[in-house]
Amino acid sequence: MYLYGDKASYHISKITREYVNEQKKDWLTVIHLPKMAPYLNPNERKVNQKIKSDVCANRFYTSIEEQKYTISEYLDKRFERGKYYIHGDT
């Protein structure tokens, strides 16, 4: 599997690097896109804009956990996540 990502600080943090390096041994190939190049990943921009307008705009969440849960539910419905087998699931 290929994982494309920009070099945002959370994509290259120590904990992320350790996890990704462990996965790369068996099944994952990571390709980093350059910073400040949204034209190389137009889908991220589109999805982020939809999340902001459909889930976050004009709403108040009492906790970060509530916001994360709401975003996760939104993505589950929008992209039918969970219907397909992902490597590592049992």
N, C-alpha and C. Protein backbone atom coordinates (compact mmCIF):
# COMPACT_ATOMS: atom_id res chain seq x y z
N MET A 1 0.85 -1.15 0.00
CA MET A 1 0.00 0.00 0.00
C MET A 1 0.90 1.23 0.00
N TYR A 2 0.44 2.25 -0.70
CA TYR A 2 1.16 3.51 -0.75
C TYR A 2 0.45 4.55 0.10
N LEU A 3 1.22 5.30 0.87
CA LEU A 3 0.69 6.38 1.68
C LEU A 3 1.37 7.66 1.22
N TYR A 4 0.58 8.57 0.70
CA TYR A 4 1.09 9.87 0.27
C TYR A 4 0.75 10.88 1.35
N GLY A 5 1.71 11.72 1.70
CA GLY A 5 1.44 12.73 2.70
C GLY A 5 2.41 13.89 2.57
N ASP A 6 1.97 15.04 3.03
CA ASP A 6 2.88 16.18 3.03
C ASP A 6 3.77 16.09 4.26
N LYS A 7 4.61 17.06 4.42
CA LYS A 7 5.54 17.02 5.55
C LYS A 7 5.08 17.92 6.69
N ALA A 8 3.78 17.92 6.91
CA ALA A 8 3.25 18.64 8.07
C ALA A 8 3.87 18.06 9.33
N SER A 9 4.03 18.90 10.34
CA SER A 9 4.76 18.46 11.54
C SER A 9 4.15 17.20 12.16
N TYR A 10 2.82 17.06 12.14
CA TYR A 10 2.20 15.87 12.73
C TYR A 10 2.38 14.64 11.87
N HIS A 11 2.69 14.79 10.59
CA HIS A 11 2.96 13.64 9.73
C HIS A 11 4.37 13.11 9.90
N ILE A 12 5.25 13.95 10.40
CA ILE A 12 6.65 13.53 10.54
C ILE A 12 7.12 13.58 11.99
N SER A 13 6.19 13.63 12.92
CA SER A 13 6.56 13.64 14.34
C SER A 13 7.24 12.32 14.71
N LYS A 14 7.90 12.31 15.82
CA LYS A 14 8.64 11.11 16.25
C LYS A 14 7.72 9.91 16.38
N ILE A 15 6.58 10.08 17.03
CA ILE A 15 5.67 8.94 17.23
C ILE A 15 5.13 8.43 15.90
N THR A 16 4.84 9.34 14.97
CA THR A 16 4.36 8.93 13.64
C THR A 16 5.46 8.21 12.88
N ARG A 17 6.66 8.76 12.91
CA ARG A 17 7.79 8.11 12.21
C ARG A 17 8.03 6.70 12.74
N GLU A 18 7.99 6.53 14.06
CA GLU A 18 8.21 5.21 14.65
C GLU A 18 7.15 4.22 14.19
N TYR A 19 5.89 4.64 14.21
CA TYR A 19 4.81 3.76 13.77
C TYR A 19 4.94 3.41 12.29
N VAL A 20 5.15 4.41 11.47
CA VAL A 20 5.26 4.18 10.02
C VAL A 20 6.46 3.30 9.70
N ASN A 21 7.58 3.54 10.34
CA ASN A 21 8.76 2.71 10.09
C ASN A 21 8.50 1.25 10.42
N GLU A 22 7.73 1.01 11.46
CA GLU A 22 7.38 -0.36 11.82
C GLU A 22 6.49 -1.01 10.74
N GLN A 23 5.56 -0.24 10.19
CA GLN A 23 4.65 -0.77 9.16
C GLN A 23 5.35 -0.94 7.82
N LYS A 24 6.33 -0.10 7.53
CA LYS A 24 7.01 -0.15 6.24
C LYS A 24 7.73 -1.47 6.04
N LYS A 25 8.07 -2.13 7.10
CA LYS A 25 8.79 -3.40 6.98
C LYS A 25 7.98 -4.43 6.22
N ASP A 26 6.66 -4.42 6.41
CA ASP A 26 5.83 -5.49 5.86
C ASP A 26 4.97 -5.09 4.67
N TRP A 27 4.37 -3.90 4.69
CA TRP A 27 3.36 -3.66 3.68
C TRP A 27 3.18 -2.21 3.25
N LEU A 28 3.85 -1.28 3.85
CA LEU A 28 3.56 0.13 3.60
C LEU A 28 4.74 0.83 2.91
N THR A 29 4.42 1.61 1.88
CA THR A 29 5.39 2.46 1.22
C THR A 29 4.93 3.90 1.41
N VAL A 30 5.81 4.75 1.92
CA VAL A 30 5.46 6.14 2.20
C VAL A 30 6.14 7.05 1.19
N ILE A 31 5.36 7.95 0.62
CA ILE A 31 5.89 8.95 -0.31
C ILE A 31 5.50 10.31 0.24
N HIS A 32 6.51 11.12 0.57
CA HIS A 32 6.27 12.46 1.11
C HIS A 32 6.19 13.48 -0.01
N LEU A 33 5.15 14.28 0.02
CA LEU A 33 5.00 15.38 -0.91
C LEU A 33 5.71 16.60 -0.32
N PRO A 34 6.15 17.50 -1.16
CA PRO A 34 6.81 18.70 -0.61
C PRO A 34 5.82 19.60 0.12
N LYS A 35 6.37 20.38 1.06
CA LYS A 35 5.54 21.35 1.78
C LYS A 35 5.03 22.40 0.80
N MET A 36 3.89 22.98 1.15
CA MET A 36 3.32 24.09 0.39
C MET A 36 3.07 23.74 -1.08
N ALA A 37 2.59 22.52 -1.32
CA ALA A 37 2.30 22.07 -2.69
C ALA A 37 0.92 21.42 -2.74
N PRO A 38 -0.15 22.16 -2.42
CA PRO A 38 -1.48 21.56 -2.40
C PRO A 38 -1.94 21.07 -3.76
N TYR A 39 -1.36 21.59 -4.82
CA TYR A 39 -1.73 21.14 -6.16
C TYR A 39 -1.35 19.69 -6.39
N LEU A 40 -0.44 19.14 -5.58
CA LEU A 40 -0.07 17.73 -5.71
C LEU A 40 -1.04 16.81 -4.99
N ASN A 41 -1.84 17.37 -4.09
CA ASN A 41 -2.81 16.58 -3.35
C ASN A 41 -4.13 17.35 -3.24
N PRO A 42 -4.81 17.53 -4.36
CA PRO A 42 -6.03 18.34 -4.33
C PRO A 42 -7.15 17.71 -3.49
N ASN A 43 -7.15 16.40 -3.33
CA ASN A 43 -8.20 15.75 -2.55
C ASN A 43 -8.15 16.16 -1.08
N GLU A 44 -6.97 16.31 -0.53
CA GLU A 44 -6.86 16.71 0.88
C GLU A 44 -7.52 18.06 1.11
N ARG A 45 -7.28 18.98 0.22
CA ARG A 45 -7.86 20.31 0.34
C ARG A 45 -9.39 20.23 0.27
N LYS A 46 -9.89 19.44 -0.66
CA LYS A 46 -11.34 19.30 -0.83
C LYS A 46 -11.97 18.67 0.42
N VAL A 47 -11.38 17.59 0.91
CA VAL A 47 -11.92 16.91 2.08
C VAL A 47 -11.85 17.81 3.30
N ASN A 48 -10.72 18.48 3.50
CA ASN A 48 -10.58 19.38 4.66
C ASN A 48 -11.61 20.50 4.62
N GLN A 49 -11.87 21.06 3.44
CA GLN A 49 -12.87 22.12 3.33
C GLN A 49 -14.26 21.60 3.67
N LYS A 50 -14.58 20.37 3.23
CA LYS A 50 -15.89 19.79 3.53
C LYS A 50 -16.04 19.53 5.03
N ILE A 51 -15.00 19.04 5.67
CA ILE A 51 -15.07 18.81 7.12
C ILE A 51 -15.30 20.12 7.84
N LYS A 52 -14.56 21.14 7.46
CA LYS A 52 -14.71 22.44 8.12
C LYS A 52 -16.11 23.00 7.94
N SER A 53 -16.65 22.90 6.72
CA SER A 53 -17.97 23.50 6.48
C SER A 53 -19.11 22.61 6.98
N ASP A 54 -19.00 21.30 6.86
CA ASP A 54 -20.09 20.40 7.23
C ASP A 54 -20.09 19.98 8.69
N VAL A 55 -18.93 20.00 9.34
CA VAL A 55 -18.85 19.47 10.70
C VAL A 55 -18.44 20.53 11.72
N CYS A 56 -17.53 21.40 11.35
CA CYS A 56 -16.95 22.31 12.35
C CYS A 56 -17.52 23.72 12.35
N ALA A 57 -18.00 24.19 11.21
CA ALA A 57 -18.45 25.58 11.11
C ALA A 57 -19.69 25.82 11.97
N ASN A 58 -19.66 26.91 12.69
CA ASN A 58 -20.80 27.36 13.50
C ASN A 58 -21.25 26.32 14.53
N ARG A 59 -20.30 25.58 15.06
CA ARG A 59 -20.62 24.58 16.08
C ARG A 59 -19.64 24.75 17.25
N PHE A 60 -20.15 24.43 18.44
CA PHE A 60 -19.31 24.45 19.62
C PHE A 60 -19.26 23.04 20.19
N TYR A 61 -18.07 22.52 20.38
CA TYR A 61 -17.89 21.20 20.98
C TYR A 61 -17.37 21.38 22.39
N THR A 62 -17.90 20.60 23.30
CA THR A 62 -17.50 20.75 24.71
C THR A 62 -16.14 20.12 24.99
N SER A 63 -15.68 19.26 24.07
CA SER A 63 -14.37 18.65 24.27
C SER A 63 -13.79 18.26 22.91
N ILE A 64 -12.49 18.08 22.88
CA ILE A 64 -11.83 17.64 21.65
C ILE A 64 -12.29 16.23 21.29
N GLU A 65 -12.58 15.41 22.28
CA GLU A 65 -13.06 14.05 22.02
C GLU A 65 -14.40 14.07 21.28
N GLU A 66 -15.28 14.98 21.68
CA GLU A 66 -16.57 15.12 21.01
C GLU A 66 -16.38 15.54 19.55
N GLN A 67 -15.47 16.48 19.32
CA GLN A 67 -15.21 16.92 17.95
C GLN A 67 -14.59 15.80 17.12
N LYS A 68 -13.63 15.08 17.69
CA LYS A 68 -13.00 13.97 16.97
C LYS A 68 -14.03 12.89 16.63
N TYR A 69 -14.92 12.59 17.56
CA TYR A 69 -15.96 11.60 17.33
C TYR A 69 -16.88 12.04 16.19
N THR A 70 -17.29 13.30 16.20
CA THR A 70 -18.18 13.83 15.18
C THR A 70 -17.51 13.79 13.80
N ILE A 71 -16.26 14.15 13.73
CA ILE A 71 -15.53 14.11 12.46
C ILE A 71 -15.40 12.67 11.99
N SER A 72 -15.09 11.76 12.89
CA SER A 72 -14.97 10.35 12.53
C SER A 72 -16.29 9.80 11.99
N GLU A 73 -17.39 10.13 12.65
CA GLU A 73 -18.71 9.70 12.18
C GLU A 73 -19.01 10.26 10.79
N TYR A 74 -18.66 11.52 10.59
CA TYR A 74 -18.87 12.16 9.29
C TYR A 74 -18.09 11.42 8.20
N LEU A 75 -16.83 11.12 8.47
CA LEU A 75 -16.01 10.43 7.48
C LEU A 75 -16.50 9.01 7.24
N ASP A 76 -16.96 8.34 8.29
CA ASP A 76 -17.53 6.99 8.13
C ASP A 76 -18.70 7.01 7.16
N LYS A 77 -19.58 7.97 7.33
CA LYS A 77 -20.76 8.06 6.46
C LYS A 77 -20.39 8.52 5.05
N ARG A 78 -19.56 9.52 4.96
CA ARG A 78 -19.21 10.09 3.65
C ARG A 78 -18.42 9.12 2.78
N PHE A 79 -17.51 8.40 3.38
CA PHE A 79 -16.62 7.54 2.60
C PHE A 79 -16.86 6.06 2.84
N GLU A 80 -17.95 5.73 3.54
CA GLU A 80 -18.32 4.35 3.82
C GLU A 80 -17.16 3.57 4.43
N ARG A 81 -16.48 4.23 5.37
CA ARG A 81 -15.37 3.57 6.04
C ARG A 81 -15.90 2.43 6.88
N GLY A 82 -15.08 1.41 7.03
CA GLY A 82 -15.46 0.27 7.84
C GLY A 82 -16.08 -0.84 7.03
N LYS A 83 -16.42 -0.59 5.78
CA LYS A 83 -17.03 -1.63 4.95
C LYS A 83 -15.99 -2.53 4.30
N TYR A 84 -14.75 -2.10 4.30
CA TYR A 84 -13.73 -2.83 3.59
C TYR A 84 -12.66 -3.31 4.55
N TYR A 85 -12.06 -4.44 4.23
CA TYR A 85 -10.99 -5.00 5.05
C TYR A 85 -9.75 -4.13 4.91
N ILE A 86 -9.16 -3.80 6.02
CA ILE A 86 -7.91 -3.05 6.04
C ILE A 86 -6.86 -3.95 6.68
N HIS A 87 -5.68 -4.01 6.07
CA HIS A 87 -4.62 -4.87 6.57
C HIS A 87 -4.42 -4.63 8.05
N GLY A 88 -4.39 -5.70 8.80
CA GLY A 88 -4.19 -5.61 10.24
C GLY A 88 -5.47 -5.82 11.01
N ASP A 89 -6.62 -5.64 10.36
CA ASP A 89 -7.90 -5.89 11.03
C ASP A 89 -8.12 -7.39 11.16
N THR A 90 -8.79 -7.79 12.22
CA THR A 90 -9.11 -9.21 12.38
C THR A 90 -10.59 -9.41 12.41
